[in-house]
C-alpha cells in the first residue's frame, strides 16, 4: 500500500478510536483533579490518558527533577506511567516507588517492562520490579525491546508466554504486551506466532512523522494490530529527542544534529498531533524536567485531529530525514 493510501485508511480507524474513547463530563476529573482526555486501551475496556510519562527520563534526570516531573504530570491530568526494570538498573522503578506509588497508586495506570530472554529470568524481573515499585500488582507488564524475528523465536521457545499467563492468573498483572524499536519484522513475527492464542493486550513501538518513510512500523504493524484489536502505545514520537538540534542528559550534551527537524520543518505540536491523529491509545513522552512535562500536557489539552491530507503533508516535510540517522534506533533486517 502506498504511503498516502495507508495514511488515508487510518482516518476512519482514528475516528473510531476517538469515538469509542469519548468521556463524559464526570470523567474529566478524579480525586486528584483534572484529567486529560482518555482513550480506549484496545480490547481491555480500560481507558487511559492520551499522554503518558516515559520512565527512562525519570530514571536518568536528577532525583529532584524526577519528582517534579511526576508531580507536574499528575497535576496536569496524566495518569499513565511507564518504566522498565532495565532503566538505570532499576532506578526509574525505585523513583516511582518513592515518589509515585505510595500516594498515588490507586489513581494511576502503572506499566513496567522486562528484557528477559528466559522464563526464569522473567519471573525474577517481575518480583524485583514489584519490590522496587512498592506495589503488589502492575496494570501492564510488557516483554521489552524485541530486536529481531530470531529474538522473538528465542524468547517464545524459552517459555516467556507461560510466565505472562502465570502472572495474570496470580493477579500480579492485569494486562500484558510487548515492545520494540529496532525493526517492525520483530513485531510482525510476534503477532504471527501468537495470532491464534492472542495473549497480548498492547504493543509499544515508534510512531512519528519520519517512520512512514523509513522501515515503517506504522505502515507494517498497525494493520495487524487493528485486526487483532491490540492497543497501540506510541513512543519515539520525537525520535528520542533527535527532532531537535541536541539532547542533554542532565548537564552534558550527548549528541548534536546539524539540521534539526523541529523547528526547521515543523512544530512540536505538529509532531505530536501527527501521532495522536493515528489510532494510538497513549503517547508516552520523555521529560527530564517539569517545564517539558507542562509543554506536552498543554499540547495534549489543545489537540485537534489532523486530516489525512495534513498528515501526508507533515510526512512529506520530514521525508528527507528518513536516512536512519534521526531514527538511529532502527536496525533493518539484512537479507541474504
C-alpha atoms as a PDB file:
ATOM      1  CA  UNK A   1       0.000   0.000   0.000  1.00  0.00           C
ATOM      2  CA  UNK A   2       1.310   3.422  -0.929  1.00  0.00           C
ATOM      3  CA  UNK A   3       2.111   5.735   1.974  1.00  0.00           C
ATOM      4  CA  UNK A   4      -0.625   8.208   1.065  1.00  0.00           C
ATOM      5  CA  UNK A   5      -3.258   5.499   0.729  1.00  0.00           C
ATOM      6  CA  UNK A   6      -2.218   3.974   4.032  1.00  0.00           C
ATOM      7  CA  UNK A   7      -2.458   7.279   5.893  1.00  0.00           C
ATOM      8  CA  UNK A   8      -5.876   7.857   4.391  1.00  0.00           C
ATOM      9  CA  UNK A   9      -7.139   4.467   5.551  1.00  0.00           C
ATOM     10  CA  UNK A  10      -6.164   5.357   9.123  1.00  0.00           C
ATOM     11  CA  UNK A  11      -8.583   8.277   9.194  1.00  0.00           C
ATOM     12  CA  UNK A  12     -11.587   6.049   9.865  1.00  0.00           C
ATOM     13  CA  UNK A  13      -9.642   3.939  12.367  1.00  0.00           C
ATOM     14  CA  UNK A  14      -8.558   7.005  14.314  1.00  0.00           C
ATOM     15  CA  UNK A  15     -12.089   8.379  14.306  1.00  0.00           C
ATOM     16  CA  UNK A  16     -13.314   5.073  15.713  1.00  0.00           C
ATOM     17  CA  UNK A  17     -10.719   5.153  18.493  1.00  0.00           C
ATOM     18  CA  UNK A  18     -11.653   8.701  19.434  1.00  0.00           C
ATOM     19  CA  UNK A  19     -15.372   7.942  19.321  1.00  0.00           C
ATOM     20  CA  UNK A  20     -15.005   4.830  21.475  1.00  0.00           C
ATOM     21  CA  UNK A  21     -12.885   6.805  23.915  1.00  0.00           C
ATOM     22  CA  UNK A  22     -15.332   9.648  24.385  1.00  0.00           C
ATOM     23  CA  UNK A  23     -15.737  10.588  28.026  1.00  0.00           C
ATOM     24  CA  UNK A  24     -18.490  12.286  29.917  1.00  0.00           C
ATOM     25  CA  UNK A  25     -18.046  15.498  31.839  1.00  0.00           C
ATOM     26  CA  UNK A  26     -17.728  13.445  35.011  1.00  0.00           C
ATOM     27  CA  UNK A  27     -14.693  11.668  33.554  1.00  0.00           C
ATOM     28  CA  UNK A  28     -12.686  14.870  33.219  1.00  0.00           C
ATOM     29  CA  UNK A  29     -11.857  14.894  36.920  1.00  0.00           C
ATOM     30  CA  UNK A  30     -10.889  12.380  39.567  1.00  0.00           C
ATOM     31  CA  UNK A  31      -9.773  12.518  43.182  1.00  0.00           C
ATOM     32  CA  UNK A  32      -6.543  14.249  42.153  1.00  0.00           C
ATOM     33  CA  UNK A  33      -8.168  16.893  39.959  1.00  0.00           C
ATOM     34  CA  UNK A  34      -8.403  17.495  36.220  1.00  0.00           C
ATOM     35  CA  UNK A  35      -7.730  14.523  33.948  1.00  0.00           C
ATOM     36  CA  UNK A  36      -6.548  14.647  30.347  1.00  0.00           C
ATOM     37  CA  UNK A  37      -8.782  13.014  27.715  1.00  0.00           C
ATOM     38  CA  UNK A  38      -8.694   9.240  27.846  1.00  0.00           C
ATOM     39  CA  UNK A  39      -8.563   6.695  25.041  1.00  0.00           C
ATOM     40  CA  UNK A  40      -9.634   3.068  24.936  1.00  0.00           C
ATOM     41  CA  UNK A  41      -6.830   0.580  25.566  1.00  0.00           C
ATOM     42  CA  UNK A  42      -7.665  -1.870  22.789  1.00  0.00           C
ATOM     43  CA  UNK A  43      -9.971  -4.694  23.798  1.00  0.00           C
ATOM     44  CA  UNK A  44      -9.342  -4.317  27.540  1.00  0.00           C
ATOM     45  CA  UNK A  45     -12.264  -1.950  28.097  1.00  0.00           C
ATOM     46  CA  UNK A  46      -9.953   0.272  30.163  1.00  0.00           C
ATOM     47  CA  UNK A  47      -9.384   3.895  29.152  1.00  0.00           C
ATOM     48  CA  UNK A  48      -6.014   5.572  29.684  1.00  0.00           C
ATOM     49  CA  UNK A  49      -4.924   9.187  29.374  1.00  0.00           C
ATOM     50  CA  UNK A  50      -3.762  10.139  25.891  1.00  0.00           C
ATOM     51  CA  UNK A  51      -0.401  11.228  27.341  1.00  0.00           C
ATOM     52  CA  UNK A  52       1.886   9.110  29.491  1.00  0.00           C
ATOM     53  CA  UNK A  53       5.164   9.692  31.338  1.00  0.00           C
ATOM     54  CA  UNK A  54       8.226   7.883  29.966  1.00  0.00           C
ATOM     55  CA  UNK A  55      10.159   6.230  32.755  1.00  0.00           C
ATOM     56  CA  UNK A  56      13.577   6.312  31.117  1.00  0.00           C
ATOM     57  CA  UNK A  57      13.847  10.070  31.633  1.00  0.00           C
ATOM     58  CA  UNK A  58      12.552   9.736  35.192  1.00  0.00           C
ATOM     59  CA  UNK A  59      15.498   7.464  35.882  1.00  0.00           C
ATOM     60  CA  UNK A  60      18.377   9.459  34.382  1.00  0.00           C
ATOM     61  CA  UNK A  61      17.493  13.024  35.294  1.00  0.00           C
ATOM     62  CA  UNK A  62      18.196  14.329  38.774  1.00  0.00           C
ATOM     63  CA  UNK A  63      16.116  12.923  41.597  1.00  0.00           C
ATOM     64  CA  UNK A  64      14.669  16.374  42.295  1.00  0.00           C
ATOM     65  CA  UNK A  65      13.609  16.801  38.669  1.00  0.00           C
ATOM     66  CA  UNK A  66      12.209  13.268  38.563  1.00  0.00           C
ATOM     67  CA  UNK A  67       9.924  14.046  41.477  1.00  0.00           C
ATOM     68  CA  UNK A  68       8.909  17.334  39.847  1.00  0.00           C
ATOM     69  CA  UNK A  69       8.062  15.567  36.578  1.00  0.00           C
ATOM     70  CA  UNK A  70       5.860  13.060  38.399  1.00  0.00           C
ATOM     71  CA  UNK A  71       4.054  15.716  40.428  1.00  0.00           C
ATOM     72  CA  UNK A  72       3.633  18.006  37.398  1.00  0.00           C
ATOM     73  CA  UNK A  73       2.232  15.151  35.322  1.00  0.00           C
ATOM     74  CA  UNK A  74      -0.317  14.274  37.994  1.00  0.00           C
ATOM     75  CA  UNK A  75      -1.302  17.915  38.448  1.00  0.00           C
ATOM     76  CA  UNK A  76      -1.740  18.249  34.679  1.00  0.00           C
ATOM     77  CA  UNK A  77      -4.031  15.249  34.380  1.00  0.00           C
ATOM     78  CA  UNK A  78      -1.638  12.476  33.294  1.00  0.00           C
ATOM     79  CA  UNK A  79      -2.482   9.092  34.778  1.00  0.00           C
ATOM     80  CA  UNK A  80      -0.315   6.723  32.693  1.00  0.00           C
ATOM     81  CA  UNK A  81       3.224   5.970  33.909  1.00  0.00           C
ATOM     82  CA  UNK A  82       5.774   3.886  32.008  1.00  0.00           C
ATOM     83  CA  UNK A  83       9.034   2.384  33.229  1.00  0.00           C
ATOM     84  CA  UNK A  84      11.195  -0.746  32.839  1.00  0.00           C
ATOM     85  CA  UNK A  85      13.426  -2.899  35.013  1.00  0.00           C
ATOM     86  CA  UNK A  86      16.353  -2.151  32.708  1.00  0.00           C
ATOM     87  CA  UNK A  87      16.185   1.637  33.058  1.00  0.00           C
ATOM     88  CA  UNK A  88      19.215   2.765  35.042  1.00  0.00           C
ATOM     89  CA  UNK A  89      19.451  -0.674  36.670  1.00  0.00           C
ATOM     90  CA  UNK A  90      16.088  -0.243  38.320  1.00  0.00           C
ATOM     91  CA  UNK A  91      16.494   3.379  39.428  1.00  0.00           C
ATOM     92  CA  UNK A  92      13.494   4.550  37.398  1.00  0.00           C
ATOM     93  CA  UNK A  93      11.309   1.970  39.162  1.00  0.00           C
ATOM     94  CA  UNK A  94      12.780   2.902  42.538  1.00  0.00           C
ATOM     95  CA  UNK A  95      11.912   6.560  41.953  1.00  0.00           C
ATOM     96  CA  UNK A  96       8.328   5.647  41.142  1.00  0.00           C
ATOM     97  CA  UNK A  97       8.415   3.575  44.310  1.00  0.00           C
ATOM     98  CA  UNK A  98       9.414   6.671  46.272  1.00  0.00           C
ATOM     99  CA  UNK A  99       7.505   9.484  44.590  1.00  0.00           C
ATOM    100  CA  UNK A 100       4.507   7.942  42.793  1.00  0.00           C
ATOM    101  CA  UNK A 101       3.237   4.693  44.233  1.00  0.00           C
ATOM    102  CA  UNK A 102       2.953   5.487  47.978  1.00  0.00           C
ATOM    103  CA  UNK A 103       0.482   8.357  47.490  1.00  0.00           C
ATOM    104  CA  UNK A 104      -0.992   7.797  44.039  1.00  0.00           C
ATOM    105  CA  UNK A 105      -1.084   4.074  43.215  1.00  0.00           C
ATOM    106  CA  UNK A 106      -4.873   3.863  43.235  1.00  0.00           C
ATOM    107  CA  UNK A 107      -5.165   6.764  40.794  1.00  0.00           C
ATOM    108  CA  UNK A 108      -2.678   5.795  38.073  1.00  0.00           C
ATOM    109  CA  UNK A 109      -2.126   3.185  35.377  1.00  0.00           C
ATOM    110  CA  UNK A 110       1.321   1.726  36.061  1.00  0.00           C
ATOM    111  CA  UNK A 111       3.363  -0.171  33.495  1.00  0.00           C
ATOM    112  CA  UNK A 112       6.815  -1.713  33.537  1.00  0.00           C
ATOM    113  CA  UNK A 113       8.731  -3.933  31.139  1.00  0.00           C
ATOM    114  CA  UNK A 114      11.287  -6.749  31.099  1.00  0.00           C
ATOM    115  CA  UNK A 115      14.117  -7.562  28.695  1.00  0.00           C
ATOM    116  CA  UNK A 116      14.259 -11.154  29.972  1.00  0.00           C
ATOM    117  CA  UNK A 117      15.065 -13.863  27.433  1.00  0.00           C
ATOM    118  CA  UNK A 118      14.010 -16.839  29.580  1.00  0.00           C
ATOM    119  CA  UNK A 119      11.094 -17.802  31.785  1.00  0.00           C
ATOM    120  CA  UNK A 120      13.207 -17.930  34.940  1.00  0.00           C
ATOM    121  CA  UNK A 121      14.700 -14.506  34.308  1.00  0.00           C
ATOM    122  CA  UNK A 122      11.277 -13.066  33.533  1.00  0.00           C
ATOM    123  CA  UNK A 123       9.828 -14.337  36.821  1.00  0.00           C
ATOM    124  CA  UNK A 124      12.734 -12.815  38.707  1.00  0.00           C
ATOM    125  CA  UNK A 125      12.352  -9.489  36.899  1.00  0.00           C
ATOM    126  CA  UNK A 126       8.682  -9.335  37.887  1.00  0.00           C
ATOM    127  CA  UNK A 127       9.463  -9.982  41.542  1.00  0.00           C
ATOM    128  CA  UNK A 128      12.220  -7.372  41.513  1.00  0.00           C
ATOM    129  CA  UNK A 129      10.063  -4.791  39.725  1.00  0.00           C
ATOM    130  CA  UNK A 130       7.189  -5.189  42.160  1.00  0.00           C
ATOM    131  CA  UNK A 131       9.584  -4.774  45.076  1.00  0.00           C
ATOM    132  CA  UNK A 132      11.246  -1.655  43.651  1.00  0.00           C
ATOM    133  CA  UNK A 133       7.904  -0.101  42.749  1.00  0.00           C
ATOM    134  CA  UNK A 134       6.404  -0.943  46.127  1.00  0.00           C
ATOM    135  CA  UNK A 135       3.203  -2.443  44.718  1.00  0.00           C
ATOM    136  CA  UNK A 136       1.621  -5.891  44.617  1.00  0.00           C
ATOM    137  CA  UNK A 137       0.432  -5.627  41.029  1.00  0.00           C
ATOM    138  CA  UNK A 138       1.019  -3.926  37.692  1.00  0.00           C
ATOM    139  CA  UNK A 139      -1.617  -2.597  35.368  1.00  0.00           C
ATOM    140  CA  UNK A 140       0.526  -3.551  32.380  1.00  0.00           C
ATOM    141  CA  UNK A 141       3.639  -5.699  32.024  1.00  0.00           C
ATOM    142  CA  UNK A 142       5.419  -5.896  28.684  1.00  0.00           C
ATOM    143  CA  UNK A 143       8.082  -8.074  27.067  1.00  0.00           C
ATOM    144  CA  UNK A 144      10.604  -5.388  26.272  1.00  0.00           C
ATOM    145  CA  UNK A 145      12.798  -4.409  23.344  1.00  0.00           C
ATOM    146  CA  UNK A 146      12.298  -7.148  20.756  1.00  0.00           C
ATOM    147  CA  UNK A 147      15.272  -6.813  18.434  1.00  0.00           C
ATOM    148  CA  UNK A 148      14.641  -9.263  15.578  1.00  0.00           C
ATOM    149  CA  UNK A 149      12.444 -12.163  14.470  1.00  0.00           C
ATOM    150  CA  UNK A 150      15.100 -14.511  15.840  1.00  0.00           C
ATOM    151  CA  UNK A 151      14.910 -12.753  19.210  1.00  0.00           C
ATOM    152  CA  UNK A 152      11.149 -13.353  19.217  1.00  0.00           C
ATOM    153  CA  UNK A 153      11.609 -17.042  18.418  1.00  0.00           C
ATOM    154  CA  UNK A 154      14.179 -17.414  21.203  1.00  0.00           C
ATOM    155  CA  UNK A 155      12.013 -15.817  23.862  1.00  0.00           C
ATOM    156  CA  UNK A 156       8.965 -17.833  22.860  1.00  0.00           C
ATOM    157  CA  UNK A 157      10.983 -21.065  22.845  1.00  0.00           C
ATOM    158  CA  UNK A 158      12.170 -20.210  26.369  1.00  0.00           C
ATOM    159  CA  UNK A 159       8.616 -20.011  27.729  1.00  0.00           C
ATOM    160  CA  UNK A 160       8.064 -16.299  28.303  1.00  0.00           C
ATOM    161  CA  UNK A 161       4.378 -16.524  27.365  1.00  0.00           C
ATOM    162  CA  UNK A 162       3.810 -19.063  30.149  1.00  0.00           C
ATOM    163  CA  UNK A 163       5.171 -16.555  32.660  1.00  0.00           C
ATOM    164  CA  UNK A 164       2.867 -13.819  31.359  1.00  0.00           C
ATOM    165  CA  UNK A 165      -0.142 -16.105  31.725  1.00  0.00           C
ATOM    166  CA  UNK A 166       1.007 -17.157  35.183  1.00  0.00           C
ATOM    167  CA  UNK A 167       1.395 -13.553  36.312  1.00  0.00           C
ATOM    168  CA  UNK A 168      -2.110 -12.699  35.103  1.00  0.00           C
ATOM    169  CA  UNK A 169      -3.587 -15.760  36.813  1.00  0.00           C
ATOM    170  CA  UNK A 170      -1.890 -14.737  40.059  1.00  0.00           C
ATOM    171  CA  UNK A 171      -3.253 -11.183  39.604  1.00  0.00           C
ATOM    172  CA  UNK A 172       0.220  -9.711  39.719  1.00  0.00           C
ATOM    173  CA  UNK A 173      -0.500  -8.079  36.356  1.00  0.00           C
ATOM    174  CA  UNK A 174      -3.748  -7.023  34.719  1.00  0.00           C
ATOM    175  CA  UNK A 175      -2.640  -6.801  31.098  1.00  0.00           C
ATOM    176  CA  UNK A 176       0.399  -7.832  29.039  1.00  0.00           C
ATOM    177  CA  UNK A 177       2.106  -6.599  25.897  1.00  0.00           C
ATOM    178  CA  UNK A 178       5.384  -6.319  24.010  1.00  0.00           C
ATOM    179  CA  UNK A 179       7.653  -3.529  22.797  1.00  0.00           C
ATOM    180  CA  UNK A 180      10.494  -2.829  20.414  1.00  0.00           C
ATOM    181  CA  UNK A 181      12.064  -0.142  18.276  1.00  0.00           C
ATOM    182  CA  UNK A 182      14.702  -1.976  16.221  1.00  0.00           C
ATOM    183  CA  UNK A 183      12.611  -3.298  13.344  1.00  0.00           C
ATOM    184  CA  UNK A 184       8.956  -3.956  12.542  1.00  0.00           C
ATOM    185  CA  UNK A 185       9.772  -7.510  11.425  1.00  0.00           C
ATOM    186  CA  UNK A 186      10.200  -8.473  15.075  1.00  0.00           C
ATOM    187  CA  UNK A 187       6.730  -7.153  15.872  1.00  0.00           C
ATOM    188  CA  UNK A 188       5.231  -8.910  12.879  1.00  0.00           C
ATOM    189  CA  UNK A 189       6.871 -12.197  13.911  1.00  0.00           C
ATOM    190  CA  UNK A 190       5.432 -11.896  17.421  1.00  0.00           C
ATOM    191  CA  UNK A 191       1.975 -11.133  16.062  1.00  0.00           C
ATOM    192  CA  UNK A 192       2.204 -14.031  13.606  1.00  0.00           C
ATOM    193  CA  UNK A 193       3.415 -16.528  16.205  1.00  0.00           C
ATOM    194  CA  UNK A 194       0.629 -15.579  18.641  1.00  0.00           C
ATOM    195  CA  UNK A 195      -2.203 -14.979  16.165  1.00  0.00           C
ATOM    196  CA  UNK A 196      -4.255 -17.911  17.441  1.00  0.00           C
ATOM    197  CA  UNK A 197      -3.654 -17.595  21.178  1.00  0.00           C
ATOM    198  CA  UNK A 198      -3.761 -13.760  21.238  1.00  0.00           C
ATOM    199  CA  UNK A 199      -2.125 -13.279  24.628  1.00  0.00           C
ATOM    200  CA  UNK A 200      -1.302  -9.609  24.149  1.00  0.00           C
ATOM    201  CA  UNK A 201      -3.360  -6.572  25.094  1.00  0.00           C
ATOM    202  CA  UNK A 202      -0.847  -3.927  23.989  1.00  0.00           C
ATOM    203  CA  UNK A 203       2.051  -3.224  21.652  1.00  0.00           C
ATOM    204  CA  UNK A 204       4.534  -0.370  22.032  1.00  0.00           C
ATOM    205  CA  UNK A 205       6.535   0.961  19.071  1.00  0.00           C
ATOM    206  CA  UNK A 206       7.875   4.105  17.347  1.00  0.00           C
ATOM    207  CA  UNK A 207       5.225   6.413  15.910  1.00  0.00           C
ATOM    208  CA  UNK A 208       6.436   9.652  14.329  1.00  0.00           C
ATOM    209  CA  UNK A 209       6.395  11.659  11.104  1.00  0.00           C
ATOM    210  CA  UNK A 210       9.621  10.095   9.792  1.00  0.00           C
ATOM    211  CA  UNK A 211       8.616   6.491  10.410  1.00  0.00           C
ATOM    212  CA  UNK A 212       6.291   6.156   7.354  1.00  0.00           C
ATOM    213  CA  UNK A 213       9.266   6.951   5.086  1.00  0.00           C
ATOM    214  CA  UNK A 214      11.877   4.648   6.650  1.00  0.00           C
ATOM    215  CA  UNK A 215      11.430   0.992   7.602  1.00  0.00           C
ATOM    216  CA  UNK A 216       7.966   1.820   8.838  1.00  0.00           C
ATOM    217  CA  UNK A 217       6.381   0.434  11.976  1.00  0.00           C
ATOM    218  CA  UNK A 218       3.170   2.354  11.368  1.00  0.00           C
ATOM    219  CA  UNK A 219       2.790   1.102   7.812  1.00  0.00           C
ATOM    220  CA  UNK A 220       3.567  -2.544   8.522  1.00  0.00           C
ATOM    221  CA  UNK A 221       2.423  -3.218  12.076  1.00  0.00           C
ATOM    222  CA  UNK A 222      -0.684  -1.088  12.634  1.00  0.00           C
ATOM    223  CA  UNK A 223      -2.888  -3.090  10.215  1.00  0.00           C
ATOM    224  CA  UNK A 224      -2.216  -6.331  12.106  1.00  0.00           C
ATOM    225  CA  UNK A 225      -2.701  -4.655  15.482  1.00  0.00           C
ATOM    226  CA  UNK A 226      -6.082  -3.458  14.309  1.00  0.00           C
ATOM    227  CA  UNK A 227      -7.048  -6.913  13.068  1.00  0.00           C
ATOM    228  CA  UNK A 228      -6.247  -8.345  16.498  1.00  0.00           C
ATOM    229  CA  UNK A 229      -7.635  -5.331  18.402  1.00  0.00           C
ATOM    230  CA  UNK A 230      -4.366  -4.799  20.263  1.00  0.00           C
ATOM    231  CA  UNK A 231      -3.831  -1.356  21.768  1.00  0.00           C
ATOM    232  CA  UNK A 232      -1.017   0.717  20.266  1.00  0.00           C
ATOM    233  CA  UNK A 233       1.290   2.620  22.623  1.00  0.00           C
ATOM    234  CA  UNK A 234       3.333   5.294  20.823  1.00  0.00           C
ATOM    235  CA  UNK A 235       6.955   6.019  21.673  1.00  0.00           C
ATOM    236  CA  UNK A 236       9.863   7.811  19.967  1.00  0.00           C
ATOM    237  CA  UNK A 237       7.409  10.467  18.747  1.00  0.00           C
ATOM    238  CA  UNK A 238      10.280  12.957  18.640  1.00  0.00           C
ATOM    239  CA  UNK A 239      12.822  10.214  17.820  1.00  0.00           C
ATOM    240  CA  UNK A 240      14.294  10.223  21.323  1.00  0.00           C
ATOM    241  CA  UNK A 241      14.836  13.986  21.051  1.00  0.00           C
ATOM    242  CA  UNK A 242      16.650  13.934  17.717  1.00  0.00           C
ATOM    243  CA  UNK A 243      13.987  16.109  16.122  1.00  0.00           C
ATOM    244  CA  UNK A 244      15.830  18.881  17.977  1.00  0.00           C
ATOM    245  CA  UNK A 245      19.387  20.088  17.478  1.00  0.00           C
ATOM    246  CA  UNK A 246      20.752  18.472  20.626  1.00  0.00           C
ATOM    247  CA  UNK A 247      19.942  16.225  23.522  1.00  0.00           C
ATOM    248  CA  UNK A 248      21.104  16.775  27.069  1.00  0.00           C
ATOM    249  CA  UNK A 249      21.430  14.237  29.823  1.00  0.00           C
ATOM    250  CA  UNK A 250      21.299  16.302  32.999  1.00  0.00           C
ATOM    251  CA  UNK A 251      24.275  18.605  32.328  1.00  0.00           C
ATOM    252  CA  UNK A 252      26.031  17.273  29.241  1.00  0.00           C
ATOM    253  CA  UNK A 253      25.306  17.197  25.521  1.00  0.00           C
ATOM    254  CA  UNK A 254      25.141  13.620  24.267  1.00  0.00           C
ATOM    255  CA  UNK A 255      24.808  14.394  20.563  1.00  0.00           C
ATOM    256  CA  UNK A 256      24.021  17.234  18.207  1.00  0.00           C
ATOM    257  CA  UNK A 257      22.419  17.420  14.760  1.00  0.00           C
ATOM    258  CA  UNK A 258      23.169  19.999  12.084  1.00  0.00           C
ATOM    259  CA  UNK A 259      19.629  20.019  10.671  1.00  0.00           C
ATOM    260  CA  UNK A 260      17.044  19.713  13.433  1.00  0.00           C
ATOM    261  CA  UNK A 261      13.603  18.753  12.173  1.00  0.00           C
ATOM    262  CA  UNK A 262      11.984  20.875  14.863  1.00  0.00           C
ATOM    263  CA  UNK A 263      11.790  23.856  14.449  1.00  0.00           C
ATOM    264  CA  UNK A 264      13.362  23.640  10.982  1.00  0.00           C
ATOM    265  CA  UNK A 265      10.388  21.933   9.320  1.00  0.00           C
ATOM    266  CA  UNK A 266       7.530  21.717  11.807  1.00  0.00           C
ATOM    267  CA  UNK A 267       6.497  22.478  15.366  1.00  0.00           C
ATOM    268  CA  UNK A 268       6.484  20.129  18.319  1.00  0.00           C
ATOM    269  CA  UNK A 269       2.682  20.425  18.223  1.00  0.00           C
ATOM    270  CA  UNK A 270       2.690  19.198  14.616  1.00  0.00           C
ATOM    271  CA  UNK A 271       4.838  16.212  15.507  1.00  0.00           C
ATOM    272  CA  UNK A 272       2.720  15.176  18.496  1.00  0.00           C
ATOM    273  CA  UNK A 273      -0.593  15.851  16.778  1.00  0.00           C
ATOM    274  CA  UNK A 274       0.520  13.570  13.961  1.00  0.00           C
ATOM    275  CA  UNK A 275       0.865  10.689  16.422  1.00  0.00           C
ATOM    276  CA  UNK A 276      -2.354  11.499  18.269  1.00  0.00           C
ATOM    277  CA  UNK A 277      -4.142  11.545  14.906  1.00  0.00           C
ATOM    278  CA  UNK A 278      -3.301   7.867  14.409  1.00  0.00           C
ATOM    279  CA  UNK A 279      -5.147   5.063  16.238  1.00  0.00           C
ATOM    280  CA  UNK A 280      -2.933   5.131  19.346  1.00  0.00           C
ATOM    281  CA  UNK A 281      -4.126   4.692  22.909  1.00  0.00           C
ATOM    282  CA  UNK A 282      -1.402   6.721  24.602  1.00  0.00           C
ATOM    283  CA  UNK A 283       1.634   8.750  23.594  1.00  0.00           C
ATOM    284  CA  UNK A 284       4.472   8.031  26.011  1.00  0.00           C
ATOM    285  CA  UNK A 285       6.773  11.025  26.289  1.00  0.00           C
ATOM    286  CA  UNK A 286      10.115  11.564  27.945  1.00  0.00           C
ATOM    287  CA  UNK A 287      10.520  14.692  30.053  1.00  0.00           C
ATOM    288  CA  UNK A 288      13.553  15.359  32.204  1.00  0.00           C
ATOM    289  CA  UNK A 289      12.090  18.412  33.915  1.00  0.00           C
ATOM    290  CA  UNK A 290       8.741  19.891  34.872  1.00  0.00           C
ATOM    291  CA  UNK A 291       8.821  22.533  32.128  1.00  0.00           C
ATOM    292  CA  UNK A 292       8.981  19.929  29.367  1.00  0.00           C
ATOM    293  CA  UNK A 293       6.194  17.956  31.021  1.00  0.00           C
ATOM    294  CA  UNK A 294       3.962  21.020  31.154  1.00  0.00           C
ATOM    295  CA  UNK A 295       4.582  21.673  27.461  1.00  0.00           C
ATOM    296  CA  UNK A 296       3.377  18.178  26.497  1.00  0.00           C
ATOM    297  CA  UNK A 297       0.366  18.453  28.810  1.00  0.00           C
ATOM    298  CA  UNK A 298      -0.659  21.738  27.181  1.00  0.00           C
ATOM    299  CA  UNK A 299      -0.336  20.206  23.720  1.00  0.00           C
ATOM    300  CA  UNK A 300      -2.465  17.236  24.747  1.00  0.00           C
ATOM    301  CA  UNK A 301      -5.152  19.527  26.073  1.00  0.00           C
ATOM    302  CA  UNK A 302      -5.195  21.533  22.840  1.00  0.00           C
ATOM    303  CA  UNK A 303      -5.131  18.514  20.479  1.00  0.00           C
ATOM    304  CA  UNK A 304      -7.277  18.608  17.347  1.00  0.00           C
ATOM    305  CA  UNK A 305      -7.152  15.631  14.974  1.00  0.00           C
ATOM    306  CA  UNK A 306      -5.324  16.131  11.685  1.00  0.00           C
ATOM    307  CA  UNK A 307      -6.856  15.123   8.390  1.00  0.00           C
ATOM    308  CA  UNK A 308      -5.221  12.519   6.159  1.00  0.00           C
ATOM    309  CA  UNK A 309      -4.002  15.334   3.921  1.00  0.00           C
ATOM    310  CA  UNK A 310      -2.448  17.205   6.828  1.00  0.00           C
ATOM    311  CA  UNK A 311      -0.676  14.064   7.986  1.00  0.00           C
ATOM    312  CA  UNK A 312       0.645  13.407   4.483  1.00  0.00           C
ATOM    313  CA  UNK A 313       1.989  16.962   4.297  1.00  0.00           C
ATOM    314  CA  UNK A 314       3.937  16.505   7.520  1.00  0.00           C
ATOM    315  CA  UNK A 315       5.302  13.144   6.389  1.00  0.00           C
ATOM    316  CA  UNK A 316       6.466  14.737   3.129  1.00  0.00           C
ATOM    317  CA  UNK A 317       8.180  17.544   5.032  1.00  0.00           C
ATOM    318  CA  UNK A 318      10.063  15.022   7.158  1.00  0.00           C
ATOM    319  CA  UNK A 319      10.879  12.514   4.404  1.00  0.00           C
ATOM    320  CA  UNK A 320      14.325  13.997   3.780  1.00  0.00           C
ATOM    321  CA  UNK A 321      15.369  12.907   7.277  1.00  0.00           C
ATOM    322  CA  UNK A 322      14.441   9.263   6.679  1.00  0.00           C
ATOM    323  CA  UNK A 323      18.037   8.101   6.416  1.00  0.00           C
ATOM    324  CA  UNK A 324      18.425   6.058   9.585  1.00  0.00           C
ATOM    325  CA  UNK A 325      20.334   8.761  11.437  1.00  0.00           C
ATOM    326  CA  UNK A 326      17.465  10.522  13.181  1.00  0.00           C
ATOM    327  CA  UNK A 327      15.754   7.197  13.865  1.00  0.00           C
ATOM    328  CA  UNK A 328      19.098   5.794  14.949  1.00  0.00           C
ATOM    329  CA  UNK A 329      17.469   3.002  16.981  1.00  0.00           C
ATOM    330  CA  UNK A 330      16.132   1.153  13.920  1.00  0.00           C
ATOM    331  CA  UNK A 331      18.067  -1.884  12.739  1.00  0.00           C
ATOM    332  CA  UNK A 332      16.592  -3.132   9.431  1.00  0.00           C
ATOM    333  CA  UNK A 333      16.791  -6.867   8.935  1.00  0.00           C
ATOM    334  CA  UNK A 334      19.529  -7.744   6.471  1.00  0.00           C
ATOM    335  CA  UNK A 335      18.580 -10.043   3.603  1.00  0.00           C
ATOM    336  CA  UNK A 336      20.758 -12.689   2.012  1.00  0.00           C
END
